[in-house]
C-alpha atoms as a PDB file:
ATOM      1  CA  UNK A   1      -2.526  14.096 -32.818  1.00  0.00           C
ATOM      2  CA  UNK A   2      -1.403  10.631 -33.867  1.00  0.00           C
ATOM      3  CA  UNK A   3      -1.718   7.789 -31.342  1.00  0.00           C
ATOM      4  CA  UNK A   4       1.217   7.172 -29.029  1.00  0.00           C
ATOM      5  CA  UNK A   5       1.797   3.601 -27.853  1.00  0.00           C
ATOM      6  CA  UNK A   6       3.701   2.109 -24.958  1.00  0.00           C
ATOM      7  CA  UNK A   7       4.032  -1.235 -23.175  1.00  0.00           C
ATOM      8  CA  UNK A   8       2.937  -1.846 -19.563  1.00  0.00           C
ATOM      9  CA  UNK A   9       4.359  -4.875 -17.730  1.00  0.00           C
ATOM     10  CA  UNK A  10       3.364  -5.851 -14.174  1.00  0.00           C
ATOM     11  CA  UNK A  11       6.138  -7.713 -12.394  1.00  0.00           C
ATOM     12  CA  UNK A  12       6.082  -9.492  -9.052  1.00  0.00           C
ATOM     13  CA  UNK A  13       9.298 -11.483  -8.553  1.00  0.00           C
ATOM     14  CA  UNK A  14       9.522 -12.507 -12.213  1.00  0.00           C
ATOM     15  CA  UNK A  15      13.169 -12.733 -13.281  1.00  0.00           C
ATOM     16  CA  UNK A  16      13.447 -15.935 -15.340  1.00  0.00           C
ATOM     17  CA  UNK A  17      12.175 -14.565 -18.655  1.00  0.00           C
ATOM     18  CA  UNK A  18      11.851 -10.810 -18.275  1.00  0.00           C
ATOM     19  CA  UNK A  19      15.127  -9.993 -20.005  1.00  0.00           C
ATOM     20  CA  UNK A  20      14.108 -12.051 -23.050  1.00  0.00           C
ATOM     21  CA  UNK A  21      10.693 -10.352 -23.031  1.00  0.00           C
ATOM     22  CA  UNK A  22      12.333  -6.921 -23.043  1.00  0.00           C
ATOM     23  CA  UNK A  23      14.742  -7.943 -25.789  1.00  0.00           C
ATOM     24  CA  UNK A  24      11.827  -9.074 -27.943  1.00  0.00           C
ATOM     25  CA  UNK A  25       9.952  -5.813 -27.321  1.00  0.00           C
ATOM     26  CA  UNK A  26      13.071  -3.759 -28.149  1.00  0.00           C
ATOM     27  CA  UNK A  27      12.687  -4.726 -31.817  1.00  0.00           C
ATOM     28  CA  UNK A  28       9.614  -2.463 -31.990  1.00  0.00           C
ATOM     29  CA  UNK A  29      11.221   0.592 -30.344  1.00  0.00           C
ATOM     30  CA  UNK A  30       8.358   1.114 -27.909  1.00  0.00           C
ATOM     31  CA  UNK A  31       8.666   2.688 -24.457  1.00  0.00           C
ATOM     32  CA  UNK A  32       8.153   0.197 -21.620  1.00  0.00           C
ATOM     33  CA  UNK A  33       6.670   1.028 -18.221  1.00  0.00           C
ATOM     34  CA  UNK A  34       7.353  -1.869 -15.858  1.00  0.00           C
ATOM     35  CA  UNK A  35       5.615  -1.870 -12.488  1.00  0.00           C
ATOM     36  CA  UNK A  36       7.585  -3.582  -9.748  1.00  0.00           C
ATOM     37  CA  UNK A  37       4.701  -4.829  -7.620  1.00  0.00           C
ATOM     38  CA  UNK A  38       6.467  -4.973  -4.258  1.00  0.00           C
ATOM     39  CA  UNK A  39       8.984  -7.617  -5.363  1.00  0.00           C
ATOM     40  CA  UNK A  40      11.760  -8.852  -3.070  1.00  0.00           C
ATOM     41  CA  UNK A  41      15.052  -6.971  -2.887  1.00  0.00           C
ATOM     42  CA  UNK A  42      16.945  -9.238  -5.277  1.00  0.00           C
ATOM     43  CA  UNK A  43      14.266  -8.884  -7.948  1.00  0.00           C
ATOM     44  CA  UNK A  44      14.159  -5.116  -7.438  1.00  0.00           C
ATOM     45  CA  UNK A  45      17.931  -4.870  -7.877  1.00  0.00           C
ATOM     46  CA  UNK A  46      17.810  -7.042 -10.995  1.00  0.00           C
ATOM     47  CA  UNK A  47      15.067  -4.904 -12.538  1.00  0.00           C
ATOM     48  CA  UNK A  48      17.032  -1.746 -11.749  1.00  0.00           C
ATOM     49  CA  UNK A  49      20.011  -3.260 -13.565  1.00  0.00           C
ATOM     50  CA  UNK A  50      17.827  -3.927 -16.592  1.00  0.00           C
ATOM     51  CA  UNK A  51      16.547  -0.343 -16.459  1.00  0.00           C
ATOM     52  CA  UNK A  52      20.108   1.005 -16.487  1.00  0.00           C
ATOM     53  CA  UNK A  53      20.851  -1.046 -19.617  1.00  0.00           C
ATOM     54  CA  UNK A  54      17.648  -0.218 -21.538  1.00  0.00           C
ATOM     55  CA  UNK A  55      16.907   3.403 -22.438  1.00  0.00           C
ATOM     56  CA  UNK A  56      13.312   2.508 -23.309  1.00  0.00           C
ATOM     57  CA  UNK A  57      12.571   0.955 -19.913  1.00  0.00           C
ATOM     58  CA  UNK A  58      11.079   2.925 -17.012  1.00  0.00           C
ATOM     59  CA  UNK A  59      10.526   1.276 -13.625  1.00  0.00           C
ATOM     60  CA  UNK A  60       7.769   2.183 -11.209  1.00  0.00           C
ATOM     61  CA  UNK A  61       8.108   0.734  -7.714  1.00  0.00           C
ATOM     62  CA  UNK A  62       5.082  -0.073  -5.557  1.00  0.00           C
ATOM     63  CA  UNK A  63       5.975  -0.216  -1.873  1.00  0.00           C
ATOM     64  CA  UNK A  64       3.952  -3.366  -1.280  1.00  0.00           C
ATOM     65  CA  UNK A  65       2.363  -6.053  -3.411  1.00  0.00           C
ATOM     66  CA  UNK A  66      -0.999  -4.913  -4.768  1.00  0.00           C
ATOM     67  CA  UNK A  67      -1.696  -7.824  -7.100  1.00  0.00           C
ATOM     68  CA  UNK A  68      -1.524  -8.040 -10.868  1.00  0.00           C
ATOM     69  CA  UNK A  69      -4.505  -5.775 -11.391  1.00  0.00           C
ATOM     70  CA  UNK A  70      -3.218  -3.145  -8.993  1.00  0.00           C
ATOM     71  CA  UNK A  71       0.124  -3.116 -10.795  1.00  0.00           C
ATOM     72  CA  UNK A  72      -1.461  -2.880 -14.248  1.00  0.00           C
ATOM     73  CA  UNK A  73      -3.719  -0.038 -13.157  1.00  0.00           C
ATOM     74  CA  UNK A  74      -0.731   1.848 -11.731  1.00  0.00           C
ATOM     75  CA  UNK A  75       1.070   1.382 -15.049  1.00  0.00           C
ATOM     76  CA  UNK A  76      -1.938   2.489 -17.123  1.00  0.00           C
ATOM     77  CA  UNK A  77      -2.388   5.605 -15.009  1.00  0.00           C
ATOM     78  CA  UNK A  78       1.293   6.461 -15.379  1.00  0.00           C
ATOM     79  CA  UNK A  79       1.174   5.935 -19.141  1.00  0.00           C
ATOM     80  CA  UNK A  80      -1.858   8.206 -19.406  1.00  0.00           C
ATOM     81  CA  UNK A  81      -0.191  10.864 -17.252  1.00  0.00           C
ATOM     82  CA  UNK A  82       2.841  10.772 -19.552  1.00  0.00           C
ATOM     83  CA  UNK A  83       0.641  11.456 -22.574  1.00  0.00           C
ATOM     84  CA  UNK A  84       0.427   8.051 -24.226  1.00  0.00           C
ATOM     85  CA  UNK A  85      -2.859   7.345 -25.979  1.00  0.00           C
ATOM     86  CA  UNK A  86      -2.683   3.538 -25.830  1.00  0.00           C
ATOM     87  CA  UNK A  87      -0.908   0.908 -23.741  1.00  0.00           C
ATOM     88  CA  UNK A  88      -0.250  -2.740 -24.493  1.00  0.00           C
ATOM     89  CA  UNK A  89      -0.385  -4.981 -21.433  1.00  0.00           C
ATOM     90  CA  UNK A  90       2.225  -7.771 -21.540  1.00  0.00           C
ATOM     91  CA  UNK A  91       2.973 -10.351 -18.845  1.00  0.00           C
ATOM     92  CA  UNK A  92       6.506 -10.687 -17.470  1.00  0.00           C
ATOM     93  CA  UNK A  93       6.651 -14.492 -17.520  1.00  0.00           C
ATOM     94  CA  UNK A  94       7.348 -15.071 -21.208  1.00  0.00           C
ATOM     95  CA  UNK A  95       3.943 -16.515 -22.125  1.00  0.00           C
ATOM     96  CA  UNK A  96       2.990 -13.988 -24.775  1.00  0.00           C
ATOM     97  CA  UNK A  97       3.860 -13.862 -28.472  1.00  0.00           C
ATOM     98  CA  UNK A  98       5.635 -10.510 -28.598  1.00  0.00           C
ATOM     99  CA  UNK A  99       5.784 -10.677 -32.383  1.00  0.00           C
ATOM    100  CA  UNK A 100       2.015 -10.007 -32.422  1.00  0.00           C
ATOM    101  CA  UNK A 101       2.546  -6.462 -31.101  1.00  0.00           C
ATOM    102  CA  UNK A 102       2.509  -4.915 -34.621  1.00  0.00           C
ATOM    103  CA  UNK A 103      -0.862  -6.559 -35.294  1.00  0.00           C
ATOM    104  CA  UNK A 104      -2.285  -5.154 -32.051  1.00  0.00           C
ATOM    105  CA  UNK A 105      -1.125  -1.685 -33.078  1.00  0.00           C
ATOM    106  CA  UNK A 106      -2.400  -2.035 -36.648  1.00  0.00           C
ATOM    107  CA  UNK A 107      -5.879  -3.002 -35.423  1.00  0.00           C
ATOM    108  CA  UNK A 108      -5.810  -0.141 -32.918  1.00  0.00           C
ATOM    109  CA  UNK A 109      -4.897   2.375 -35.600  1.00  0.00           C
ATOM    110  CA  UNK A 110      -7.920   1.194 -37.593  1.00  0.00           C
ATOM    111  CA  UNK A 111     -10.178   1.454 -34.499  1.00  0.00           C
ATOM    112  CA  UNK A 112      -8.533   3.875 -32.015  1.00  0.00           C
ATOM    113  CA  UNK A 113     -11.334   3.667 -29.425  1.00  0.00           C
ATOM    114  CA  UNK A 114     -11.272  -0.132 -29.214  1.00  0.00           C
ATOM    115  CA  UNK A 115      -9.695  -2.546 -26.782  1.00  0.00           C
ATOM    116  CA  UNK A 116      -7.714  -5.141 -28.742  1.00  0.00           C
ATOM    117  CA  UNK A 117      -8.108  -8.305 -26.707  1.00  0.00           C
ATOM    118  CA  UNK A 118      -5.892 -11.352 -27.119  1.00  0.00           C
ATOM    119  CA  UNK A 119      -7.578 -14.730 -27.537  1.00  0.00           C
ATOM    120  CA  UNK A 120      -5.128 -17.431 -26.407  1.00  0.00           C
ATOM    121  CA  UNK A 121      -4.116 -20.115 -28.862  1.00  0.00           C
ATOM    122  CA  UNK A 122      -2.625 -22.616 -26.407  1.00  0.00           C
ATOM    123  CA  UNK A 123      -0.138 -25.378 -27.015  1.00  0.00           C
ATOM    124  CA  UNK A 124       0.220 -28.509 -24.894  1.00  0.00           C
ATOM    125  CA  UNK A 125       1.998 -26.605 -22.106  1.00  0.00           C
ATOM    126  CA  UNK A 126      -1.199 -25.125 -20.677  1.00  0.00           C
ATOM    127  CA  UNK A 127      -2.128 -26.582 -17.245  1.00  0.00           C
ATOM    128  CA  UNK A 128      -5.552 -28.246 -17.133  1.00  0.00           C
ATOM    129  CA  UNK A 129      -6.280 -26.389 -13.887  1.00  0.00           C
ATOM    130  CA  UNK A 130      -6.142 -23.111 -15.807  1.00  0.00           C
ATOM    131  CA  UNK A 131      -8.378 -24.236 -18.681  1.00  0.00           C
ATOM    132  CA  UNK A 132     -11.443 -25.411 -16.747  1.00  0.00           C
ATOM    133  CA  UNK A 133     -12.021 -22.144 -14.795  1.00  0.00           C
ATOM    134  CA  UNK A 134     -11.436 -20.271 -18.058  1.00  0.00           C
ATOM    135  CA  UNK A 135     -14.375 -21.937 -19.773  1.00  0.00           C
ATOM    136  CA  UNK A 136     -16.574 -21.214 -16.740  1.00  0.00           C
ATOM    137  CA  UNK A 137     -15.560 -17.556 -16.943  1.00  0.00           C
ATOM    138  CA  UNK A 138     -16.338 -17.466 -20.682  1.00  0.00           C
ATOM    139  CA  UNK A 139     -19.921 -18.513 -19.906  1.00  0.00           C
ATOM    140  CA  UNK A 140     -20.404 -15.914 -17.171  1.00  0.00           C
ATOM    141  CA  UNK A 141     -18.909 -13.106 -19.255  1.00  0.00           C
ATOM    142  CA  UNK A 142     -21.386 -13.892 -22.029  1.00  0.00           C
ATOM    143  CA  UNK A 143     -24.172 -13.668 -19.431  1.00  0.00           C
ATOM    144  CA  UNK A 144     -22.781 -10.453 -17.904  1.00  0.00           C
ATOM    145  CA  UNK A 145     -22.550  -8.711 -21.288  1.00  0.00           C
ATOM    146  CA  UNK A 146     -25.576 -10.459 -22.864  1.00  0.00           C
ATOM    147  CA  UNK A 147     -23.393 -10.987 -25.915  1.00  0.00           C
ATOM    148  CA  UNK A 148     -20.473 -12.885 -27.390  1.00  0.00           C
ATOM    149  CA  UNK A 149     -18.455  -9.716 -27.980  1.00  0.00           C
ATOM    150  CA  UNK A 150     -15.727 -10.849 -25.562  1.00  0.00           C
ATOM    151  CA  UNK A 151     -14.259 -14.146 -26.749  1.00  0.00           C
ATOM    152  CA  UNK A 152     -11.732 -14.453 -23.895  1.00  0.00           C
ATOM    153  CA  UNK A 153     -11.550 -12.146 -20.895  1.00  0.00           C
ATOM    154  CA  UNK A 154      -8.608 -13.680 -19.033  1.00  0.00           C
ATOM    155  CA  UNK A 155      -5.704 -13.203 -21.435  1.00  0.00           C
ATOM    156  CA  UNK A 156      -3.276 -10.587 -20.109  1.00  0.00           C
ATOM    157  CA  UNK A 157      -2.062  -9.637 -23.589  1.00  0.00           C
ATOM    158  CA  UNK A 158      -4.216  -6.739 -24.768  1.00  0.00           C
ATOM    159  CA  UNK A 159      -4.177  -3.130 -25.919  1.00  0.00           C
ATOM    160  CA  UNK A 160      -6.097  -0.434 -24.044  1.00  0.00           C
ATOM    161  CA  UNK A 161      -7.238   2.999 -25.238  1.00  0.00           C
ATOM    162  CA  UNK A 162      -6.051   4.941 -22.211  1.00  0.00           C
ATOM    163  CA  UNK A 163      -8.572   7.775 -22.075  1.00  0.00           C
ATOM    164  CA  UNK A 164     -11.625   5.546 -21.603  1.00  0.00           C
ATOM    165  CA  UNK A 165      -9.744   2.926 -19.582  1.00  0.00           C
ATOM    166  CA  UNK A 166      -8.254   5.303 -17.019  1.00  0.00           C
ATOM    167  CA  UNK A 167     -11.593   7.120 -16.712  1.00  0.00           C
ATOM    168  CA  UNK A 168     -13.169   3.759 -15.808  1.00  0.00           C
ATOM    169  CA  UNK A 169     -10.381   2.891 -13.353  1.00  0.00           C
ATOM    170  CA  UNK A 170     -10.850   6.246 -11.609  1.00  0.00           C
ATOM    171  CA  UNK A 171     -14.636   5.916 -11.368  1.00  0.00           C
ATOM    172  CA  UNK A 172     -15.230   2.235 -10.646  1.00  0.00           C
ATOM    173  CA  UNK A 173     -14.119  -0.425  -8.215  1.00  0.00           C
ATOM    174  CA  UNK A 174     -12.091  -3.022 -10.130  1.00  0.00           C
ATOM    175  CA  UNK A 175     -10.428  -6.093  -8.645  1.00  0.00           C
ATOM    176  CA  UNK A 176      -6.701  -5.737  -8.074  1.00  0.00           C
ATOM    177  CA  UNK A 177      -5.656  -9.373  -8.405  1.00  0.00           C
ATOM    178  CA  UNK A 178      -6.411 -12.129 -10.883  1.00  0.00           C
ATOM    179  CA  UNK A 179      -9.983 -10.862 -11.155  1.00  0.00           C
ATOM    180  CA  UNK A 180      -8.745  -7.678 -12.849  1.00  0.00           C
ATOM    181  CA  UNK A 181      -8.455  -8.808 -16.479  1.00  0.00           C
ATOM    182  CA  UNK A 182     -12.048 -10.004 -16.695  1.00  0.00           C
ATOM    183  CA  UNK A 183     -13.681  -7.281 -14.618  1.00  0.00           C
ATOM    184  CA  UNK A 184     -12.166  -4.333 -16.462  1.00  0.00           C
ATOM    185  CA  UNK A 185     -13.052  -5.824 -19.840  1.00  0.00           C
ATOM    186  CA  UNK A 186     -16.694  -6.432 -18.897  1.00  0.00           C
ATOM    187  CA  UNK A 187     -17.007  -2.911 -17.480  1.00  0.00           C
ATOM    188  CA  UNK A 188     -15.414  -1.376 -20.576  1.00  0.00           C
ATOM    189  CA  UNK A 189     -17.952  -3.292 -22.655  1.00  0.00           C
ATOM    190  CA  UNK A 190     -20.755  -1.930 -20.461  1.00  0.00           C
ATOM    191  CA  UNK A 191     -19.446   1.564 -21.270  1.00  0.00           C
ATOM    192  CA  UNK A 192     -19.772   0.804 -24.968  1.00  0.00           C
ATOM    193  CA  UNK A 193     -16.036   0.592 -25.652  1.00  0.00           C
ATOM    194  CA  UNK A 194     -15.573  -1.585 -28.769  1.00  0.00           C
ATOM    195  CA  UNK A 195     -13.879  -4.965 -28.295  1.00  0.00           C
ATOM    196  CA  UNK A 196     -11.734  -6.457 -31.066  1.00  0.00           C
ATOM    197  CA  UNK A 197     -10.577 -10.044 -30.512  1.00  0.00           C
ATOM    198  CA  UNK A 198      -7.174 -11.136 -31.808  1.00  0.00           C
ATOM    199  CA  UNK A 199      -5.984 -14.783 -31.679  1.00  0.00           C
ATOM    200  CA  UNK A 200      -2.476 -14.962 -30.234  1.00  0.00           C
ATOM    201  CA  UNK A 201      -0.151 -17.795 -29.272  1.00  0.00           C
ATOM    202  CA  UNK A 202       0.293 -18.413 -25.531  1.00  0.00           C
ATOM    203  CA  UNK A 203       2.986 -20.728 -24.133  1.00  0.00           C
ATOM    204  CA  UNK A 204       3.706 -21.752 -20.558  1.00  0.00           C
ATOM    205  CA  UNK A 205       7.527 -22.007 -20.251  1.00  0.00           C
ATOM    206  CA  UNK A 206       8.738 -25.183 -18.541  1.00  0.00           C
ATOM    207  CA  UNK A 207      10.807 -23.183 -16.050  1.00  0.00           C
ATOM    208  CA  UNK A 208       8.267 -20.413 -15.701  1.00  0.00           C
ATOM    209  CA  UNK A 209       6.501 -19.375 -12.530  1.00  0.00           C
ATOM    210  CA  UNK A 210       2.924 -18.304 -11.949  1.00  0.00           C
ATOM    211  CA  UNK A 211       1.366 -16.404  -9.070  1.00  0.00           C
ATOM    212  CA  UNK A 212      -2.088 -17.813  -9.810  1.00  0.00           C
ATOM    213  CA  UNK A 213      -3.382 -19.485  -6.629  1.00  0.00           C
ATOM    214  CA  UNK A 214      -5.944 -22.073  -7.655  1.00  0.00           C
ATOM    215  CA  UNK A 215      -8.276 -21.873  -4.655  1.00  0.00           C
ATOM    216  CA  UNK A 216      -7.810 -18.250  -3.579  1.00  0.00           C
ATOM    217  CA  UNK A 217      -7.922 -16.714  -7.044  1.00  0.00           C
ATOM    218  CA  UNK A 218     -10.836 -18.853  -8.224  1.00  0.00           C
ATOM    219  CA  UNK A 219     -12.734 -17.678  -5.127  1.00  0.00           C
ATOM    220  CA  UNK A 220     -11.931 -14.056  -6.020  1.00  0.00           C
ATOM    221  CA  UNK A 221     -13.119 -14.700  -9.565  1.00  0.00           C
ATOM    222  CA  UNK A 222     -16.335 -16.284  -8.266  1.00  0.00           C
ATOM    223  CA  UNK A 223     -17.071 -13.199  -6.150  1.00  0.00           C
ATOM    224  CA  UNK A 224     -16.271 -10.979  -9.133  1.00  0.00           C
ATOM    225  CA  UNK A 225     -18.785 -12.808 -11.331  1.00  0.00           C
ATOM    226  CA  UNK A 226     -21.412 -12.386  -8.612  1.00  0.00           C
ATOM    227  CA  UNK A 227     -20.795  -8.613  -8.582  1.00  0.00           C
ATOM    228  CA  UNK A 228     -20.866  -8.424 -12.360  1.00  0.00           C
ATOM    229  CA  UNK A 229     -24.050 -10.473 -12.672  1.00  0.00           C
ATOM    230  CA  UNK A 230     -25.945  -8.187 -10.328  1.00  0.00           C
ATOM    231  CA  UNK A 231     -24.342  -5.181 -12.005  1.00  0.00           C
ATOM    232  CA  UNK A 232     -25.621  -6.474 -15.341  1.00  0.00           C
ATOM    233  CA  UNK A 233     -29.259  -6.672 -14.259  1.00  0.00           C
ATOM    234  CA  UNK A 234     -30.035  -2.921 -14.264  1.00  0.00           C
ATOM    235  CA  UNK A 235     -28.063  -2.620 -17.505  1.00  0.00           C
ATOM    236  CA  UNK A 236     -29.884  -5.498 -19.201  1.00  0.00           C
ATOM    237  CA  UNK A 237     -32.354  -3.360 -21.223  1.00  0.00           C
ATOM    238  CA  UNK A 238     -29.542  -1.267 -22.683  1.00  0.00           C
ATOM    239  CA  UNK A 239     -27.351  -4.305 -23.371  1.00  0.00           C
ATOM    240  CA  UNK A 240     -30.249  -6.068 -25.078  1.00  0.00           C
ATOM    241  CA  UNK A 241     -30.896  -2.897 -27.060  1.00  0.00           C
ATOM    242  CA  UNK A 242     -27.306  -2.962 -28.327  1.00  0.00           C
ATOM    243  CA  UNK A 243     -27.729  -6.595 -29.281  1.00  0.00           C
ATOM    244  CA  UNK A 244     -30.972  -5.972 -31.176  1.00  0.00           C
ATOM    245  CA  UNK A 245     -29.682  -2.871 -32.970  1.00  0.00           C
ATOM    246  CA  UNK A 246     -26.594  -4.724 -34.177  1.00  0.00           C
ATOM    247  CA  UNK A 247     -28.656  -7.697 -35.336  1.00  0.00           C
ATOM    248  CA  UNK A 248     -30.870  -5.357 -37.384  1.00  0.00           C
ATOM    249  CA  UNK A 249     -27.777  -3.766 -38.965  1.00  0.00           C
ATOM    250  CA  UNK A 250     -26.391  -7.225 -39.720  1.00  0.00           C
END
């Protein structure tokens, strides 16, 4: 059976750019599963209006806010239940270059078992407070995987093979907030799921909004890296074995 692709968008009170995001996605005629992550009533009503206007859009409502990761996992599970083989995670705030979607799909069709992971190519709009923790995370991810396979683990623009991803979600504890993007990628790498890195343009709109909380979310990320480091230790022989076998092939 040929791969079936869809889009998954987590949304918590994002209204400024979501219509433009959906309009850009519409060019590719892909089904969209948007997860309303316990948004306020006005946002919920707005999203329901968009759903009534867009035959490709399906809304899932979470009764209370679970965090970005919780919303993405709900969307991935739903996509898998509906029979899709792959899902492309896209943020609702207009940061991502939607015109890269065909490249994500092309790479996935060449390597159906792989995660296609966006590597941000930032412009001057990126806040400095987001860059510094990112470089710290890069270092720890390289330690946690004993490799440089993952070039950037924090970009929310990526394509998942749903069978292996949902199996991991159902069998492992994964952070539900801003720690999600990194933790699921490291754990997929531990499972031997191939990682393909794709440079993609990321822009922070001037009138955009972010739910990233500098102190709280960086603390969550710090705790996540602690868990992953100690989770890496018993896996170290196997991870080193992968590294050595690939170096011999190279």
